[in-house]
Amino acid sequence: MCPSNTKATKLATEGASSKAKMSVRGAMAENRPDAESQSYFTLVTTLMGFIVIEILGRMRDFSARVTGVSRYYDEIVGASDDPNMAPIIFGKDNFYQRRLYHRIQDCWNRPISSKPGARIDVIKRTTKDGGKTYQMQPGETKNCLNLGSYNYLGFADDWNSTCGTKVRKGLDKYGVSTCSAAVDAGSTAVHKELEAYVAKFLGKEDAVVFNMGYGTNTSALEALGGKGTLILSDALNHTSIVNGCRAAYAKVKPFKHNDEKDLEEKLISAISEGRPSKDGSFTPWTKIIVVVEGIYSMEGEVCRLREIVDVAKKYKAYMYVDEAHSIGALGKTGRGVCEHTGVNHDEIDVLMGTFSKSFGGMGGYIAASKEVIDYVRSTSPGCLYTCSLSPTVATQILTAFHIITGDDGTDLGKRKLERIKSNSNYFRTELRRMGLTVLGDKDSPVIPMMLYNGPKIAAFSRECYDRGIAAVVVGYPAVPVYGGRVRFCISAGHEPADLKDAIKKIKDICKILNLRYQRSMFG
């Protein structure tokens, strides 16, 4: 849906004159640091660290080529097991894996031998080749406080008493897999019940579920896009959205993160200029879709949805909202960012969400009008070409929904929602009190803390592990080179005493590593 040229000009003029009247950023953004707010000292030392690694790594590669001595020799020269075959990976392709990732890969891919609850058992590993490979030590584990899993409402902790009985019955009835795509023989009664419940929960006409959260975005956006479509995507949207937009054969333009003013400028320009045409004539876009997230997973920030929706609707653009981290975690009743920001679900054309965070399952959903859902079901690769969501997992999700809404006859869901908010706000407040650079907004269970320097990413992870804390650290390319951070994920399953103990330990670590950037440029 796109206005005509005349109407576009009128809207553009009105928009330009009304920029000064746009509402100011809300209280949630006041005095909040972001990933760009480091000192020049931190920025320069962070970049210098990567430059040194690059130079030394190139020198070692050159030495290996000349002398033939290196544990990475085959990877550097691109040797293949079959002399008649070209190497599938060349030395230049895996440079950073060899010279950077292998030095710190003990901080990732740590296997566990327990449920992903508030506490987990991490399997110990050893290396005999300087970090190139790791071997698990069977039976040797370390019990840690879990600050990394998406167990927002704590269903991994009380699963046996809350969801276990119904899920086991579902497993007995339907088995583990449907062994078929949804359009073939992969839709069961529990799938249909879940889709109807999602639609009702969000106030939409219909919904469709997918077997993977990442695939929900990639396949749904691919179906909804097409030639002549313009997608205006938040600059910090998740990779699944980026790849979905690429697959949609649509024109994609990013707008500044969470910035409704830049969005309006992009809309004015797009509507006024139209889409490119060979003869230079004005050709309007067939439709414009604005894509945002409810909670941005690497920033912990809540979308400024009210302001963005107002701009999008003013210029007749569609709204697509990814609620992967917000559904079930935000809002008084867990209905996500719309409820949290006071936006009616009717104002959002397409709602997307995942079941792997607040529901203790996996997969995702698209909720919209019946017309849109019917179209997605018949054109989306996620519905046509891949096995449908496990019916056992669907039973888990449906049971979690009943608890969240109180349809199970208890107030457990209400208490979980209150607990996730109080735990998240306590943890964020205490981190900021230490003088740390903490991103994100109130009530968000995603709490990133900036580390910046590459070596501090690994050091922080190891120090946490040594003290019995399992935390997820994030570096390039998931974030910018200078944007290294730890991302804490808080759960309703966390006990206040555990969080208090974690804060004490993190405080000690931050003193050792000089991470209190809000107090001093040197940390």
Protein backbone atom coordinates (compact mmCIF):
# COMPACT_ATOMS: atom_id res chain seq x y z
CA MET A 1 0.00 0.00 0.00
CA CYS A 2 1.54 3.28 -1.07
CA PRO A 3 0.10 6.78 -1.60
CA SER A 4 -0.07 8.36 -5.03
CA ASN A 5 2.45 10.96 -6.19
CA THR A 6 0.17 13.89 -5.31
CA LYS A 7 -0.65 12.53 -1.91
CA ALA A 8 2.98 11.63 -1.36
CA THR A 9 4.05 15.23 -1.97
CA LYS A 10 1.41 16.49 0.43
CA LEU A 11 2.44 13.99 3.09
CA ALA A 12 6.08 14.82 2.57
CA THR A 13 5.42 18.50 3.05
CA GLU A 14 3.35 17.86 6.15
CA GLY A 15 6.00 15.53 7.51
CA ALA A 16 8.80 18.03 7.00
CA SER A 17 6.90 20.75 8.79
CA SER A 18 5.94 18.51 11.68
CA LYS A 19 9.39 17.15 12.56
CA ALA A 20 9.77 19.63 15.39
CA LYS A 21 6.51 18.38 16.84
CA MET A 22 7.64 14.79 17.15
CA SER A 23 7.48 13.57 20.73
CA VAL A 24 10.76 13.58 22.65
CA ARG A 25 12.38 10.35 23.68
CA GLY A 26 10.65 8.78 26.65
CA ALA A 27 11.93 8.32 30.17
CA MET A 28 13.21 4.86 29.30
CA ALA A 29 16.03 6.43 27.27
CA GLU A 30 17.09 9.14 29.70
CA ASN A 31 20.69 9.01 30.91
CA ARG A 32 21.17 5.62 29.29
CA PRO A 33 24.58 4.81 27.79
CA ASP A 34 24.89 3.00 24.48
CA ALA A 35 27.56 0.91 22.78
CA GLU A 36 29.05 4.02 21.16
CA SER A 37 29.60 5.90 24.43
CA GLN A 38 33.14 4.75 25.16
CA SER A 39 36.08 7.15 25.55
CA TYR A 40 38.66 7.70 22.82
CA PHE A 41 41.15 5.86 24.99
CA THR A 42 38.94 2.76 25.09
CA LEU A 43 38.19 2.98 21.37
CA VAL A 44 41.83 3.35 20.37
CA THR A 45 43.13 0.60 22.67
CA THR A 46 40.37 -1.75 21.50
CA LEU A 47 41.21 -1.19 17.83
CA MET A 48 44.93 -1.42 18.55
CA GLY A 49 44.43 -4.84 20.09
CA PHE A 50 42.85 -6.15 16.89
CA ILE A 51 45.53 -4.49 14.74
CA VAL A 52 48.31 -6.19 16.76
CA ILE A 53 46.58 -9.58 16.41
CA GLU A 54 46.22 -8.99 12.66
CA ILE A 55 49.89 -8.07 12.20
CA LEU A 56 51.26 -10.92 14.31
CA GLY A 57 48.88 -13.39 12.70
CA ARG A 58 49.97 -12.39 9.19
CA MET A 59 53.61 -12.66 10.21
CA ARG A 60 53.07 -16.15 11.60
CA ASP A 61 51.24 -17.21 8.44
CA PHE A 62 54.12 -15.93 6.32
CA SER A 63 56.61 -17.79 8.49
CA ALA A 64 54.56 -20.99 8.18
CA ARG A 65 54.51 -20.75 4.39
CA VAL A 66 58.30 -20.26 4.29
CA THR A 67 59.34 -22.86 6.88
CA GLY A 68 56.48 -25.33 6.57
CA VAL A 69 56.29 -25.47 10.35
CA SER A 70 52.89 -24.69 11.90
CA ARG A 71 50.00 -26.60 13.43
CA TYR A 72 47.88 -24.69 10.90
CA TYR A 73 50.10 -25.39 7.88
CA ASP A 74 47.46 -27.30 5.88
CA GLU A 75 44.85 -24.61 6.55
CA ILE A 76 47.26 -21.79 5.63
CA VAL A 77 48.37 -23.22 2.28
CA GLY A 78 44.92 -24.57 1.52
CA ALA A 79 45.95 -28.21 1.31
CA SER A 80 43.26 -30.73 0.42
CA ASP A 81 43.02 -34.38 1.45
CA ASP A 82 42.49 -35.19 -2.23
CA PRO A 83 45.23 -33.70 -4.47
CA ASN A 84 42.76 -33.65 -7.35
CA MET A 85 40.32 -31.42 -5.45
CA ALA A 86 40.54 -27.73 -4.71
CA PRO A 87 40.44 -26.94 -0.97
CA ILE A 88 36.92 -26.21 0.27
CA ILE A 89 38.31 -23.53 2.63
CA PHE A 90 41.30 -21.37 1.73
CA GLY A 91 43.81 -20.00 4.23
CA LYS A 92 42.56 -16.44 3.86
CA ASP A 93 39.01 -17.56 4.68
CA ASN A 94 39.79 -18.94 8.13
CA PHE A 95 42.46 -16.45 9.24
CA TYR A 96 40.39 -15.05 12.10
CA GLN A 97 39.29 -18.49 13.18
CA ARG A 98 42.93 -19.57 13.47
CA ARG A 99 44.54 -16.47 14.88
CA LEU A 100 41.77 -15.04 17.03
CA TYR A 101 38.89 -17.40 17.72
CA HIS A 102 41.03 -20.42 18.62
CA ARG A 103 42.78 -18.35 21.29
CA ILE A 104 39.52 -17.73 23.13
CA GLN A 105 37.13 -20.43 21.92
CA ASP A 106 37.03 -21.97 25.40
CA CYS A 107 34.61 -19.10 26.18
CA TRP A 108 32.00 -20.50 23.77
CA ASN A 109 30.37 -23.82 22.93
CA ARG A 110 30.61 -25.04 26.51
CA PRO A 111 28.50 -28.23 26.69
CA ILE A 112 26.13 -28.74 29.60
CA SER A 113 24.70 -31.89 31.18
CA SER A 114 21.55 -30.51 32.80
CA LYS A 115 18.36 -28.59 32.10
CA PRO A 116 18.97 -24.91 31.20
CA GLY A 117 17.56 -23.74 34.52
CA ALA A 118 18.78 -21.09 36.94
CA ARG A 119 21.74 -23.35 37.68
CA ILE A 120 23.44 -25.60 35.13
CA ASP A 121 26.15 -28.25 35.11
CA VAL A 122 28.88 -27.26 32.63
CA ILE A 123 30.99 -30.15 31.34
CA LYS A 124 34.71 -29.56 31.83
CA ARG A 125 36.98 -29.63 28.77
CA THR A 126 40.71 -29.85 28.11
CA THR A 127 42.88 -29.05 25.10
CA LYS A 128 46.13 -30.68 23.98
CA ASP A 129 46.85 -28.43 21.00
CA GLY A 130 46.76 -24.92 22.39
CA GLY A 131 43.05 -24.32 21.99
CA LYS A 132 42.61 -25.65 18.45
CA THR A 133 40.39 -28.49 19.66
CA TYR A 134 38.78 -29.36 22.98
CA GLN A 135 37.86 -32.71 24.51
CA MET A 136 35.07 -33.19 27.04
CA GLN A 137 35.87 -34.83 30.36
CA PRO A 138 33.04 -37.35 30.94
CA GLY A 139 31.57 -37.11 34.41
CA GLU A 140 33.48 -33.93 35.30
CA THR A 141 31.17 -30.92 35.59
CA LYS A 142 31.07 -27.51 37.24
CA ASN A 143 27.80 -26.24 38.69
CA CYS A 144 27.24 -22.62 37.67
CA LEU A 145 24.64 -19.91 38.02
CA ASN A 146 23.10 -19.65 34.57
CA LEU A 147 23.05 -16.04 33.35
CA GLY A 148 23.09 -16.92 29.66
CA SER A 149 20.03 -18.98 28.71
CA TYR A 150 16.70 -17.63 27.40
CA ASN A 151 14.80 -19.18 30.28
CA TYR A 152 12.86 -15.97 30.92
CA LEU A 153 9.87 -17.35 32.80
CA GLY A 154 11.76 -20.20 34.43
CA PHE A 155 9.90 -23.12 32.85
CA ALA A 156 13.19 -25.05 32.70
CA ASP A 157 13.33 -24.90 36.52
CA ASP A 158 9.83 -26.08 37.43
CA TRP A 159 9.09 -28.12 34.31
CA ASN A 160 8.18 -31.33 36.12
CA SER A 161 5.55 -29.61 38.26
CA THR A 162 4.20 -27.17 35.64
CA CYS A 163 4.40 -28.63 32.14
CA GLY A 164 5.89 -32.11 32.45
CA THR A 165 2.71 -34.16 32.86
CA LYS A 166 0.93 -32.73 29.80
CA VAL A 167 4.04 -32.79 27.64
CA ARG A 168 4.68 -36.46 28.44
CA LYS A 169 1.11 -37.26 27.46
CA GLY A 170 1.63 -35.33 24.23
CA LEU A 171 4.81 -37.28 23.55
CA ASP A 172 2.96 -40.57 24.04
CA LYS A 173 0.16 -39.48 21.72
CA TYR A 174 2.00 -37.69 18.90
CA GLY A 175 5.60 -38.83 19.15
CA VAL A 176 8.65 -36.61 18.74
CA SER A 177 8.23 -35.53 15.12
CA THR A 178 5.52 -35.23 12.49
CA CYS A 179 8.04 -36.36 9.83
CA SER A 180 6.30 -34.07 7.35
CA ALA A 181 5.87 -30.47 6.28
CA ALA A 182 2.88 -28.58 7.63
CA VAL A 183 1.15 -28.47 4.23
CA ASP A 184 1.48 -32.23 3.81
CA ALA A 185 0.81 -34.41 6.85
CA GLY A 186 2.57 -32.26 9.44
CA SER A 187 -0.37 -30.48 11.05
CA THR A 188 -1.83 -32.13 14.13
CA ALA A 189 -4.67 -31.11 16.42
CA VAL A 190 -2.20 -29.61 18.88
CA HIS A 191 -0.67 -27.43 16.13
CA LYS A 192 -4.09 -26.07 15.23
CA GLU A 193 -4.95 -25.49 18.88
CA LEU A 194 -1.67 -23.66 19.42
CA GLU A 195 -2.18 -21.43 16.37
CA ALA A 196 -5.69 -20.54 17.50
CA TYR A 197 -4.41 -19.75 21.01
CA VAL A 198 -1.61 -17.51 19.70
CA ALA A 199 -4.09 -15.59 17.55
CA LYS A 200 -6.46 -15.14 20.50
CA PHE A 201 -3.63 -14.15 22.85
CA LEU A 202 -2.53 -11.40 20.45
CA GLY A 203 -5.96 -10.32 19.27
CA LYS A 204 -5.35 -11.37 15.67
CA GLU A 205 -7.58 -13.27 13.25
CA ASP A 206 -5.13 -16.10 12.66
CA ALA A 207 -1.60 -17.35 13.26
CA VAL A 208 0.81 -19.91 11.86
CA VAL A 209 3.66 -21.62 13.74
CA PHE A 210 7.13 -22.56 12.47
CA ASN A 211 9.72 -25.04 13.71
CA MET A 212 12.49 -22.46 14.16
CA GLY A 213 12.59 -18.87 15.37
CA TYR A 214 15.31 -17.82 12.92
CA GLY A 215 13.43 -19.51 10.09
CA THR A 216 10.21 -17.73 11.03
CA ASN A 217 11.67 -14.37 10.03
CA THR A 218 13.62 -15.58 7.01
CA SER A 219 10.75 -17.48 5.44
CA ALA A 220 7.91 -15.11 6.41
CA LEU A 221 9.68 -11.99 5.13
CA GLU A 222 10.59 -13.84 1.96
CA ALA A 223 6.90 -14.55 1.40
CA LEU A 224 5.68 -11.06 2.30
CA GLY A 225 8.23 -9.17 0.20
CA GLY A 226 8.65 -9.26 -3.55
CA LYS A 227 9.59 -6.95 -6.39
CA GLY A 228 8.37 -3.41 -5.90
CA THR A 229 8.43 -3.76 -2.11
CA LEU A 230 10.43 -1.39 0.09
CA ILE A 231 11.47 -2.65 3.51
CA LEU A 232 12.61 -0.05 6.03
CA SER A 233 14.54 -2.03 8.63
CA ASP A 234 15.98 -0.85 11.94
CA ALA A 235 19.77 -0.69 11.65
CA LEU A 236 20.21 -3.13 14.57
CA ASN A 237 17.65 -5.72 13.53
CA HIS A 238 18.57 -9.38 14.00
CA THR A 239 20.40 -11.36 11.32
CA SER A 240 17.26 -13.43 10.68
CA ILE A 241 15.47 -10.23 9.61
CA VAL A 242 18.42 -9.13 7.47
CA ASN A 243 18.53 -12.47 5.66
CA GLY A 244 14.74 -12.58 5.33
CA CYS A 245 14.81 -9.17 3.66
CA ARG A 246 17.55 -10.32 1.30
CA ALA A 247 15.50 -13.36 0.29
CA ALA A 248 12.41 -11.23 -0.33
CA TYR A 249 13.69 -9.62 -3.56
CA ALA A 250 12.70 -6.31 -2.03
CA LYS A 251 14.58 -3.03 -1.79
CA VAL A 252 15.91 -2.69 1.76
CA LYS A 253 16.85 0.59 3.42
CA PRO A 254 17.97 0.72 7.06
CA PHE A 255 16.97 3.56 9.33
CA LYS A 256 18.82 4.69 12.45
CA HIS A 257 18.26 2.48 15.44
CA ASN A 258 15.05 3.24 17.32
CA ASP A 259 14.87 6.67 15.63
CA GLU A 260 11.40 7.63 14.44
CA LYS A 261 12.69 10.92 13.00
CA ASP A 262 15.11 9.17 10.65
CA LEU A 263 12.35 6.70 9.77
CA GLU A 264 10.09 9.60 8.79
CA GLU A 265 12.79 11.11 6.61
CA LYS A 266 13.30 7.77 4.88
CA LEU A 267 9.55 7.40 4.32
CA ILE A 268 9.21 10.92 2.93
CA SER A 269 12.09 10.32 0.54
CA ALA A 270 10.83 6.90 -0.54
CA ILE A 271 7.27 8.02 -1.19
CA SER A 272 8.29 11.23 -2.97
CA GLU A 273 10.91 9.63 -5.22
CA GLY A 274 9.23 6.28 -5.82
CA ARG A 275 11.18 3.25 -6.95
CA PRO A 276 13.80 3.25 -9.69
CA SER A 277 12.53 2.80 -13.23
CA LYS A 278 14.37 2.37 -16.52
CA ASP A 279 12.64 5.29 -18.27
CA GLY A 280 12.98 7.64 -15.32
CA SER A 281 9.23 7.96 -14.80
CA PHE A 282 7.70 8.02 -11.33
CA THR A 283 6.74 4.54 -10.16
CA PRO A 284 5.34 4.16 -6.64
CA TRP A 285 6.36 1.31 -4.38
CA THR A 286 3.82 -1.49 -4.34
CA LYS A 287 4.06 -1.57 -0.54
CA ILE A 288 6.32 -0.32 2.24
CA ILE A 289 7.01 -2.45 5.32
CA VAL A 290 8.65 -1.10 8.48
CA VAL A 291 10.43 -3.85 10.43
CA VAL A 292 11.47 -3.50 14.09
CA GLU A 293 12.12 -5.69 17.14
CA GLY A 294 10.32 -5.59 20.48
CA ILE A 295 13.56 -5.99 22.46
CA TYR A 296 16.85 -5.72 20.61
CA SER A 297 18.78 -8.81 21.56
CA MET A 298 22.28 -7.30 21.68
CA GLU A 299 21.24 -3.99 23.24
CA GLY A 300 18.43 -4.96 25.61
CA GLU A 301 16.58 -1.87 24.42
CA VAL A 302 12.79 -1.78 24.11
CA CYS A 303 11.49 -0.52 20.78
CA ARG A 304 10.03 3.00 20.73
CA LEU A 305 6.99 1.36 19.23
CA ARG A 306 4.41 4.07 19.90
CA GLU A 307 6.42 6.71 18.06
CA ILE A 308 7.45 4.40 15.22
CA VAL A 309 3.91 3.13 14.64
CA ASP A 310 2.59 6.70 14.53
CA VAL A 311 5.10 7.57 11.81
CA ALA A 312 4.50 4.38 9.81
CA LYS A 313 0.73 4.76 9.83
CA LYS A 314 0.96 8.44 8.94
CA TYR A 315 2.61 7.43 5.66
CA LYS A 316 0.49 4.31 5.07
CA ALA A 317 3.30 1.82 5.67
CA TYR A 318 2.81 -1.65 7.11
CA MET A 319 4.29 -2.62 10.49
CA TYR A 320 6.17 -5.89 11.11
CA VAL A 321 7.28 -6.42 14.73
CA ASP A 322 9.66 -9.17 15.84
CA GLU A 323 8.81 -10.09 19.44
CA ALA A 324 11.40 -12.84 19.88
CA HIS A 325 12.62 -11.49 23.23
CA SER A 326 9.57 -9.51 24.34
CA ILE A 327 6.60 -11.86 24.00
CA GLY A 328 5.89 -13.48 27.34
CA ALA A 329 8.44 -11.26 29.10
CA LEU A 330 7.14 -7.71 28.65
CA GLY A 331 3.76 -6.29 29.58
CA LYS A 332 1.56 -6.80 32.59
CA THR A 333 0.07 -9.99 31.14
CA GLY A 334 3.07 -11.01 29.02
CA ARG A 335 1.63 -9.80 25.73
CA GLY A 336 4.89 -8.20 24.74
CA VAL A 337 6.08 -4.85 23.53
CA CYS A 338 2.64 -3.71 22.36
CA GLU A 339 1.21 -4.03 25.84
CA HIS A 340 4.36 -2.56 27.37
CA THR A 341 4.32 0.57 25.19
CA GLY A 342 0.56 1.06 25.01
CA VAL A 343 0.17 0.11 21.35
CA ASN A 344 -2.95 -1.77 20.32
CA HIS A 345 -2.22 -5.06 18.57
CA ASP A 346 -4.59 -3.96 15.80
CA GLU A 347 -2.08 -1.27 14.86
CA ILE A 348 0.55 -3.89 13.99
CA ASP A 349 -0.04 -5.63 10.67
CA VAL A 350 2.29 -8.59 11.24
CA LEU A 351 3.43 -9.86 14.65
CA MET A 352 6.30 -12.33 14.84
CA GLY A 353 7.59 -14.08 17.94
CA THR A 354 9.52 -17.10 19.14
CA PHE A 355 8.79 -19.84 21.66
CA SER A 356 12.38 -20.47 22.76
CA LYS A 357 12.60 -17.64 25.30
CA SER A 358 9.54 -17.34 27.53
CA PHE A 359 7.80 -20.62 26.73
CA GLY A 360 10.52 -23.19 27.27
CA GLY A 361 10.18 -24.56 23.74
CA MET A 362 11.42 -23.73 20.26
CA GLY A 363 10.06 -22.40 16.98
CA GLY A 364 8.12 -19.24 16.23
CA TYR A 365 4.86 -17.77 14.98
CA ILE A 366 3.41 -15.18 12.64
CA ALA A 367 0.10 -13.59 13.68
CA ALA A 368 -1.88 -11.33 11.37
CA SER A 369 -5.14 -11.13 9.43
CA LYS A 370 -6.53 -14.36 8.03
CA GLU A 371 -5.75 -13.15 4.52
CA VAL A 372 -2.07 -12.66 5.35
CA ILE A 373 -1.75 -15.95 7.25
CA ASP A 374 -3.38 -17.92 4.44
CA TYR A 375 -0.91 -16.36 2.03
CA VAL A 376 2.09 -17.14 4.27
CA ARG A 377 0.94 -20.75 4.71
CA SER A 378 0.78 -21.25 0.95
CA THR A 379 4.00 -19.44 -0.04
CA SER A 380 6.45 -19.50 2.88
CA PRO A 381 9.34 -22.00 2.56
CA GLY A 382 9.02 -22.64 6.31
CA CYS A 383 5.55 -24.09 5.74
CA LEU A 384 6.16 -25.80 2.42
CA TYR A 385 9.59 -27.39 2.54
CA THR A 386 10.54 -28.21 6.11
CA CYS A 387 9.28 -30.52 8.82
CA SER A 388 6.67 -28.86 11.03
CA LEU A 389 7.16 -27.97 14.69
CA SER A 390 7.48 -31.02 16.92
CA PRO A 391 4.02 -31.78 18.38
CA THR A 392 5.67 -32.50 21.73
CA VAL A 393 7.20 -29.02 21.71
CA ALA A 394 3.86 -27.59 20.61
CA THR A 395 2.29 -29.18 23.69
CA GLN A 396 4.96 -27.57 25.88
CA ILE A 397 4.26 -24.14 24.37
CA LEU A 398 0.49 -24.48 24.70
CA THR A 399 0.84 -25.54 28.33
CA ALA A 400 3.09 -22.55 29.04
CA PHE A 401 0.52 -20.25 27.42
CA HIS A 402 -2.21 -21.60 29.71
CA ILE A 403 -0.01 -20.88 32.74
CA ILE A 404 0.89 -17.36 31.59
CA THR A 405 -2.75 -16.41 30.98
CA GLY A 406 -4.05 -18.12 34.11
CA ASP A 407 -6.17 -20.55 32.12
CA ASP A 408 -4.61 -23.32 34.21
CA GLY A 409 -6.58 -21.99 37.18
CA THR A 410 -3.56 -20.67 39.11
CA ASP A 411 -1.76 -17.35 39.53
CA LEU A 412 1.62 -18.93 38.72
CA GLY A 413 1.87 -17.08 35.42
CA LYS A 414 1.22 -13.74 37.10
CA ARG A 415 3.88 -14.46 39.70
CA LYS A 416 6.39 -15.44 37.02
CA LEU A 417 5.79 -12.19 35.15
CA GLU A 418 6.26 -10.17 38.32
CA ARG A 419 9.42 -12.11 39.18
CA ILE A 420 11.10 -11.63 35.81
CA LYS A 421 10.58 -7.87 36.05
CA SER A 422 11.82 -7.54 39.62
CA ASN A 423 14.86 -9.75 38.98
CA SER A 424 15.77 -7.89 35.77
CA ASN A 425 15.41 -4.43 37.28
CA TYR A 426 17.38 -5.39 40.40
CA PHE A 427 20.26 -6.84 38.40
CA ARG A 428 20.44 -3.89 36.00
CA THR A 429 20.30 -1.34 38.82
CA GLU A 430 23.10 -3.02 40.74
CA LEU A 431 25.36 -3.23 37.69
CA ARG A 432 24.87 0.45 36.94
CA ARG A 433 25.54 1.32 40.57
CA MET A 434 29.03 -0.13 40.13
CA GLY A 435 29.80 2.36 37.36
CA LEU A 436 29.58 -0.20 34.55
CA THR A 437 28.36 0.63 31.04
CA VAL A 438 25.04 -1.21 31.01
CA LEU A 439 22.75 -1.07 27.98
CA GLY A 440 19.03 -1.59 27.78
CA ASP A 441 15.76 -0.43 29.29
CA LYS A 442 13.75 -1.04 32.41
CA ASP A 443 11.91 -4.40 32.55
CA SER A 444 14.02 -5.92 29.77
CA PRO A 445 15.41 -9.36 30.76
CA VAL A 446 18.29 -8.83 28.31
CA ILE A 447 21.07 -6.89 30.08
CA PRO A 448 24.23 -6.26 28.02
CA MET A 449 27.32 -4.87 29.76
CA MET A 450 30.11 -3.38 27.68
CA LEU A 451 33.58 -4.92 27.77
CA TYR A 452 34.93 -3.28 24.59
CA ASN A 453 38.50 -4.66 24.51
CA GLY A 454 38.95 -8.03 22.83
CA PRO A 455 41.17 -9.57 25.54
CA LYS A 456 38.69 -8.49 28.22
CA ILE A 457 35.95 -10.49 26.49
CA ALA A 458 37.81 -13.74 27.13
CA ALA A 459 39.11 -12.66 30.51
CA PHE A 460 35.64 -11.76 31.77
CA SER A 461 34.19 -15.08 30.61
CA ARG A 462 36.97 -17.07 32.28
CA GLU A 463 36.80 -15.12 35.52
CA CYS A 464 33.04 -15.69 35.68
CA TYR A 465 33.43 -19.38 34.99
CA ASP A 466 36.08 -19.73 37.68
CA ARG A 467 33.63 -18.18 40.15
CA GLY A 468 30.72 -20.41 39.12
CA ILE A 469 28.91 -18.02 36.77
CA ALA A 470 27.94 -19.09 33.25
CA ALA A 471 27.71 -15.93 31.14
CA VAL A 472 27.57 -15.31 27.40
CA VAL A 473 30.19 -12.96 25.98
CA VAL A 474 29.81 -11.49 22.51
CA GLY A 475 32.44 -10.19 20.10
CA TYR A 476 32.96 -9.40 16.45
CA PRO A 477 31.29 -10.18 14.00
CA ALA A 478 28.10 -10.47 16.08
CA VAL A 479 28.76 -6.89 17.22
CA PRO A 480 31.12 -4.17 15.90
CA VAL A 481 34.86 -4.62 16.49
CA TYR A 482 34.75 -2.08 19.33
CA GLY A 483 31.47 -3.42 20.74
CA GLY A 484 32.53 -6.45 22.80
CA ARG A 485 30.11 -7.16 25.63
CA VAL A 486 28.65 -9.71 27.99
CA ARG A 487 24.93 -10.34 27.63
CA PHE A 488 23.19 -11.37 30.82
CA CYS A 489 19.79 -13.02 30.47
CA ILE A 490 17.70 -12.90 33.63
CA SER A 491 15.06 -15.46 34.56
CA ALA A 492 12.07 -15.69 36.84
CA GLY A 493 13.75 -18.87 38.06
CA HIS A 494 16.64 -16.97 39.60
CA GLU A 495 16.56 -16.68 43.37
CA PRO A 496 17.31 -13.21 44.81
CA ALA A 497 20.16 -14.67 46.86
CA ASP A 498 21.81 -16.09 43.73
CA LEU A 499 21.59 -12.75 41.92
CA LYS A 500 22.99 -10.94 44.95
CA ASP A 501 25.92 -13.36 45.06
CA ALA A 502 26.49 -12.93 41.31
CA ILE A 503 26.57 -9.14 41.70
CA LYS A 504 29.23 -9.45 44.40
CA LYS A 505 31.39 -11.70 42.22
CA ILE A 506 30.94 -9.52 39.12
CA LYS A 507 31.98 -6.49 41.16
CA ASP A 508 35.26 -8.21 42.04
CA ILE A 509 35.84 -9.19 38.40
CA CYS A 510 35.19 -5.66 37.15
CA LYS A 511 37.73 -4.26 39.58
CA ILE A 512 40.36 -6.72 38.35
CA LEU A 513 39.65 -6.06 34.66
CA ASN A 514 39.02 -2.30 34.97
CA LEU A 515 35.51 -2.29 33.48
CA ARG A 516 33.93 0.62 35.36
CA TYR A 517 33.92 2.91 32.35
CA GLN A 518 31.20 5.18 33.71
CA ARG A 519 33.57 6.25 36.49
CA SER A 520 36.82 6.52 34.58
CA MET A 521 38.02 6.41 30.98
CA PHE A 522 40.51 3.75 32.13
CA GLY A 523 37.75 1.55 33.59
